[in-house]
N, C-alpha and C. Protein backbone atom coordinates (compact mmCIF):
# COMPACT_ATOMS: atom_id res chain seq x y z
N MET A 1 -37.99 34.52 24.79
CA MET A 1 -36.67 34.34 25.48
C MET A 1 -36.03 33.05 24.83
N GLU A 2 -36.82 32.09 24.50
CA GLU A 2 -36.28 30.86 23.97
C GLU A 2 -35.64 31.12 22.60
N ARG A 3 -36.12 32.00 21.83
CA ARG A 3 -35.55 32.31 20.46
C ARG A 3 -34.15 33.05 20.72
N LYS A 4 -34.01 33.84 21.75
CA LYS A 4 -32.76 34.49 22.00
C LYS A 4 -31.73 33.49 22.43
N LYS A 5 -32.11 32.56 23.22
CA LYS A 5 -31.15 31.53 23.64
C LYS A 5 -30.68 30.65 22.48
N ARG A 6 -31.66 30.33 21.65
CA ARG A 6 -31.24 29.56 20.39
C ARG A 6 -30.38 30.35 19.50
N GLY A 7 -30.68 31.65 19.36
CA GLY A 7 -29.81 32.56 18.62
C GLY A 7 -28.43 32.59 19.12
N LEU A 8 -28.26 32.71 20.42
CA LEU A 8 -26.93 32.82 21.02
C LEU A 8 -26.23 31.45 20.83
N LEU A 9 -26.84 30.39 20.97
CA LEU A 9 -26.28 29.04 20.75
C LEU A 9 -25.82 28.97 19.29
N LEU A 10 -26.58 29.37 18.36
CA LEU A 10 -26.19 29.36 16.95
C LEU A 10 -24.96 30.22 16.72
N VAL A 11 -24.89 31.42 17.35
CA VAL A 11 -23.80 32.28 17.14
C VAL A 11 -22.47 31.56 17.75
N LEU A 12 -22.67 31.00 18.87
CA LEU A 12 -21.47 30.34 19.53
C LEU A 12 -21.04 29.19 18.69
N ALA A 13 -22.03 28.33 18.14
CA ALA A 13 -21.63 27.26 17.32
C ALA A 13 -21.00 27.78 15.96
N GLY A 14 -21.46 28.85 15.45
CA GLY A 14 -20.84 29.44 14.28
C GLY A 14 -19.40 29.95 14.47
N VAL A 15 -19.22 30.59 15.62
CA VAL A 15 -17.92 31.01 15.99
C VAL A 15 -16.94 29.85 16.17
N LEU A 16 -17.44 28.80 16.77
CA LEU A 16 -16.62 27.59 17.00
C LEU A 16 -16.29 26.94 15.67
N VAL A 17 -17.27 26.80 14.83
CA VAL A 17 -17.00 26.15 13.46
C VAL A 17 -16.02 27.05 12.67
N PHE A 18 -16.21 28.34 12.69
CA PHE A 18 -15.33 29.26 11.95
C PHE A 18 -13.94 29.19 12.52
N ALA A 19 -13.78 29.20 13.81
CA ALA A 19 -12.46 29.19 14.45
C ALA A 19 -11.75 27.89 14.16
N VAL A 20 -12.42 26.74 14.28
CA VAL A 20 -11.81 25.48 14.05
C VAL A 20 -11.37 25.38 12.55
N SER A 21 -12.23 25.91 11.69
CA SER A 21 -11.91 25.81 10.25
C SER A 21 -10.70 26.70 9.97
N LEU A 22 -10.68 27.84 10.56
CA LEU A 22 -9.64 28.77 10.26
C LEU A 22 -8.30 28.32 10.84
N VAL A 23 -8.30 27.78 12.07
CA VAL A 23 -7.06 27.46 12.74
C VAL A 23 -6.60 26.04 12.32
N LEU A 24 -7.48 25.10 12.21
CA LEU A 24 -7.00 23.68 11.97
C LEU A 24 -7.12 23.27 10.52
N LEU A 25 -8.24 23.38 9.94
CA LEU A 25 -8.50 22.75 8.62
C LEU A 25 -7.79 23.58 7.47
N LEU A 26 -7.69 24.86 7.58
CA LEU A 26 -7.20 25.66 6.53
C LEU A 26 -5.71 25.43 6.19
N TYR A 27 -5.02 24.88 7.13
CA TYR A 27 -3.54 24.70 6.92
C TYR A 27 -3.18 23.38 6.27
N PHE A 28 -4.16 22.50 6.11
CA PHE A 28 -3.90 21.23 5.45
C PHE A 28 -4.35 21.42 3.95
N ASP A 29 -3.41 21.11 3.10
CA ASP A 29 -3.74 21.24 1.64
C ASP A 29 -4.83 20.32 1.16
N ASP A 30 -4.87 19.17 1.74
CA ASP A 30 -5.89 18.23 1.26
C ASP A 30 -7.33 18.66 1.71
N LEU A 31 -7.43 19.37 2.76
CA LEU A 31 -8.68 19.85 3.33
C LEU A 31 -9.05 21.25 3.03
N TYR A 32 -8.52 21.81 2.06
CA TYR A 32 -8.68 23.24 1.72
C TYR A 32 -10.13 23.51 1.37
N PHE A 33 -10.75 22.75 0.45
CA PHE A 33 -12.13 22.97 0.06
C PHE A 33 -13.08 22.78 1.20
N ILE A 34 -12.86 21.66 1.99
CA ILE A 34 -13.66 21.48 3.17
C ILE A 34 -13.59 22.60 4.17
N ALA A 35 -12.39 23.16 4.33
CA ALA A 35 -12.18 24.30 5.20
C ALA A 35 -12.96 25.54 4.72
N LEU A 36 -12.93 25.76 3.41
CA LEU A 36 -13.73 26.90 2.88
C LEU A 36 -15.16 26.71 3.04
N VAL A 37 -15.69 25.55 2.82
CA VAL A 37 -17.16 25.27 3.01
C VAL A 37 -17.49 25.46 4.48
N SER A 38 -16.69 24.92 5.42
CA SER A 38 -17.01 25.04 6.87
C SER A 38 -16.86 26.49 7.29
N LEU A 39 -15.98 27.29 6.73
CA LEU A 39 -15.89 28.73 7.02
C LEU A 39 -17.19 29.38 6.62
N PHE A 40 -17.74 29.05 5.44
CA PHE A 40 -18.98 29.61 4.96
C PHE A 40 -20.18 29.19 5.87
N ILE A 41 -20.19 27.98 6.28
CA ILE A 41 -21.24 27.46 7.19
C ILE A 41 -21.10 28.27 8.55
N GLY A 42 -19.93 28.42 9.01
CA GLY A 42 -19.75 29.27 10.27
C GLY A 42 -20.26 30.62 10.22
N VAL A 43 -20.02 31.33 9.10
CA VAL A 43 -20.47 32.59 8.92
C VAL A 43 -22.02 32.68 8.79
N VAL A 44 -22.55 31.70 8.09
CA VAL A 44 -24.07 31.65 7.95
C VAL A 44 -24.68 31.41 9.30
N LEU A 45 -24.12 30.52 10.17
CA LEU A 45 -24.60 30.27 11.51
C LEU A 45 -24.56 31.49 12.41
N ILE A 46 -23.46 32.28 12.25
CA ILE A 46 -23.34 33.57 13.02
C ILE A 46 -24.42 34.46 12.59
N GLY A 47 -24.67 34.65 11.26
CA GLY A 47 -25.66 35.59 10.75
C GLY A 47 -27.07 35.17 11.17
N ILE A 48 -27.39 33.90 11.09
CA ILE A 48 -28.80 33.44 11.51
C ILE A 48 -28.93 33.60 13.01
N GLY A 49 -27.91 33.22 13.74
CA GLY A 49 -27.97 33.31 15.24
C GLY A 49 -28.13 34.73 15.65
N THR A 50 -27.48 35.68 15.02
CA THR A 50 -27.55 37.06 15.37
C THR A 50 -28.94 37.59 15.03
N ALA A 51 -29.53 37.18 13.89
CA ALA A 51 -30.85 37.61 13.57
C ALA A 51 -31.88 37.07 14.50
N LEU A 52 -31.68 35.86 14.97
CA LEU A 52 -32.60 35.28 15.99
C LEU A 52 -32.47 35.99 17.35
N ALA A 53 -31.22 36.22 17.70
CA ALA A 53 -30.96 36.79 19.03
C ALA A 53 -31.50 38.26 19.11
N LYS A 54 -31.39 38.95 18.00
CA LYS A 54 -31.86 40.37 17.97
C LYS A 54 -33.34 40.52 17.53
N GLU A 55 -33.97 39.30 17.32
CA GLU A 55 -35.35 39.26 16.86
C GLU A 55 -35.60 40.05 15.60
N MET A 56 -34.62 40.05 14.72
CA MET A 56 -34.82 40.68 13.38
C MET A 56 -35.77 39.95 12.52
N ASP A 57 -35.82 38.59 12.63
CA ASP A 57 -36.64 37.84 11.74
C ASP A 57 -38.15 38.02 12.01
N ALA A 58 -38.57 38.48 13.23
CA ALA A 58 -39.90 38.69 13.49
C ALA A 58 -40.50 39.91 12.71
N SER A 59 -39.59 40.83 12.35
CA SER A 59 -40.12 42.01 11.61
C SER A 59 -40.25 41.77 10.09
N ILE A 60 -39.87 40.65 9.69
CA ILE A 60 -39.89 40.35 8.21
C ILE A 60 -41.35 40.19 7.78
N GLU A 61 -42.15 39.56 8.56
CA GLU A 61 -43.53 39.22 8.18
C GLU A 61 -44.57 40.22 8.68
N MET A 62 -44.10 41.36 9.24
CA MET A 62 -45.07 42.37 9.62
C MET A 62 -45.74 43.03 8.47
N PRO A 63 -47.10 42.99 8.45
CA PRO A 63 -47.78 43.62 7.35
C PRO A 63 -47.75 45.10 7.34
N ARG A 64 -47.75 45.72 6.20
CA ARG A 64 -47.83 47.16 6.10
C ARG A 64 -49.25 47.63 6.24
N GLU A 65 -49.38 48.73 6.90
CA GLU A 65 -50.70 49.30 7.08
C GLU A 65 -51.12 50.14 5.96
N ASP A 66 -50.20 50.93 5.36
CA ASP A 66 -50.51 51.79 4.27
C ASP A 66 -50.30 51.23 2.90
N CYS A 67 -51.09 51.63 1.92
CA CYS A 67 -50.97 51.15 0.59
C CYS A 67 -49.65 51.64 0.05
N TYR A 68 -48.90 50.75 -0.58
CA TYR A 68 -47.59 51.18 -1.14
C TYR A 68 -47.71 51.97 -2.37
N TYR A 69 -48.85 51.82 -3.12
CA TYR A 69 -48.97 52.48 -4.37
C TYR A 69 -49.31 53.99 -4.24
N CYS A 70 -50.21 54.32 -3.38
CA CYS A 70 -50.59 55.73 -3.08
C CYS A 70 -50.00 56.31 -1.77
N ARG A 71 -49.22 55.53 -1.06
CA ARG A 71 -48.61 55.81 0.19
C ARG A 71 -49.63 56.27 1.26
N GLY A 72 -50.80 55.60 1.23
CA GLY A 72 -51.77 55.80 2.26
C GLY A 72 -52.75 56.99 2.01
N THR A 73 -52.58 57.59 0.95
CA THR A 73 -53.51 58.78 0.69
C THR A 73 -54.85 58.36 0.08
N GLY A 74 -54.84 57.26 -0.72
CA GLY A 74 -56.05 56.86 -1.40
C GLY A 74 -56.26 57.50 -2.77
N LYS A 75 -55.34 58.44 -3.05
CA LYS A 75 -55.37 59.18 -4.38
C LYS A 75 -54.03 59.08 -5.08
N ILE A 76 -54.09 58.98 -6.44
CA ILE A 76 -52.92 59.03 -7.19
C ILE A 76 -52.99 60.21 -8.13
N ASP A 77 -51.88 60.71 -8.62
CA ASP A 77 -51.84 61.79 -9.52
C ASP A 77 -51.90 61.25 -10.98
N ALA A 78 -52.91 61.56 -11.71
CA ALA A 78 -53.06 61.17 -13.04
C ALA A 78 -52.48 62.36 -13.89
N GLU A 79 -52.83 62.34 -15.21
CA GLU A 79 -52.31 63.36 -16.10
C GLU A 79 -52.59 64.81 -15.65
N ASP A 80 -53.90 65.08 -15.34
CA ASP A 80 -54.28 66.44 -15.02
C ASP A 80 -55.19 66.46 -13.79
N GLN A 81 -55.44 65.35 -13.17
CA GLN A 81 -56.33 65.30 -11.99
C GLN A 81 -55.94 64.14 -11.05
N GLU A 82 -56.56 64.15 -9.86
CA GLU A 82 -56.28 63.07 -8.94
C GLU A 82 -57.35 62.06 -9.16
N GLU A 83 -56.93 60.80 -9.08
CA GLU A 83 -57.84 59.66 -9.25
C GLU A 83 -57.73 58.85 -8.00
N THR A 84 -58.76 57.96 -7.83
CA THR A 84 -58.78 57.03 -6.77
C THR A 84 -57.72 55.92 -7.05
N CYS A 85 -57.02 55.56 -5.99
CA CYS A 85 -55.93 54.52 -6.15
C CYS A 85 -56.48 53.24 -6.56
N PRO A 86 -56.02 52.65 -7.72
CA PRO A 86 -56.58 51.37 -8.16
C PRO A 86 -56.10 50.20 -7.28
N ARG A 87 -55.05 50.31 -6.52
CA ARG A 87 -54.61 49.27 -5.71
C ARG A 87 -55.43 49.03 -4.39
N CYS A 88 -55.72 50.16 -3.73
CA CYS A 88 -56.52 50.05 -2.41
C CYS A 88 -57.89 50.49 -2.61
N GLY A 89 -58.27 51.00 -3.71
CA GLY A 89 -59.75 51.45 -3.92
C GLY A 89 -60.04 52.72 -3.23
N GLY A 90 -58.99 53.48 -2.81
CA GLY A 90 -59.27 54.73 -2.22
C GLY A 90 -59.21 54.71 -0.69
N THR A 91 -59.06 53.56 -0.08
CA THR A 91 -59.03 53.52 1.30
C THR A 91 -57.67 53.86 1.97
N GLY A 92 -56.66 53.73 1.15
CA GLY A 92 -55.32 54.09 1.68
C GLY A 92 -54.69 52.95 2.54
N LEU A 93 -55.42 51.88 2.71
CA LEU A 93 -54.91 50.72 3.52
C LEU A 93 -54.36 49.67 2.63
N ALA A 94 -53.40 48.97 3.02
CA ALA A 94 -52.79 47.92 2.24
C ALA A 94 -53.79 46.71 2.17
N ARG A 95 -53.73 46.06 1.02
CA ARG A 95 -54.50 44.78 0.89
C ARG A 95 -53.86 43.64 1.65
N GLU A 96 -54.61 42.68 1.86
CA GLU A 96 -54.07 41.45 2.59
C GLU A 96 -52.96 40.75 1.85
N ASP A 97 -52.98 40.80 0.54
CA ASP A 97 -51.95 40.10 -0.22
C ASP A 97 -50.63 40.87 -0.46
N ASP A 98 -50.60 42.16 0.09
CA ASP A 98 -49.40 43.01 -0.09
C ASP A 98 -48.37 42.61 0.94
């Protein structure tokens, strides 16, 4: 729950930075570059906050259970026969470093 609260705070901060940059800073010619940078920062904060609030970042590090090379079968198609998958050794399970 703590991550969701932090995510929502980041979204609100991003919206605030974006709105202030769009409404106030963008209209001054001298502050045009600063306004563009702060608009970018606001969009990044909104994106990161949304990812934290929806817990999308937790799924990034989830290990795969099936071998990606043989798709979990343990066998690959060679020229005229099936062979044991060289990546998983025929188990069909992903290695720890995948």
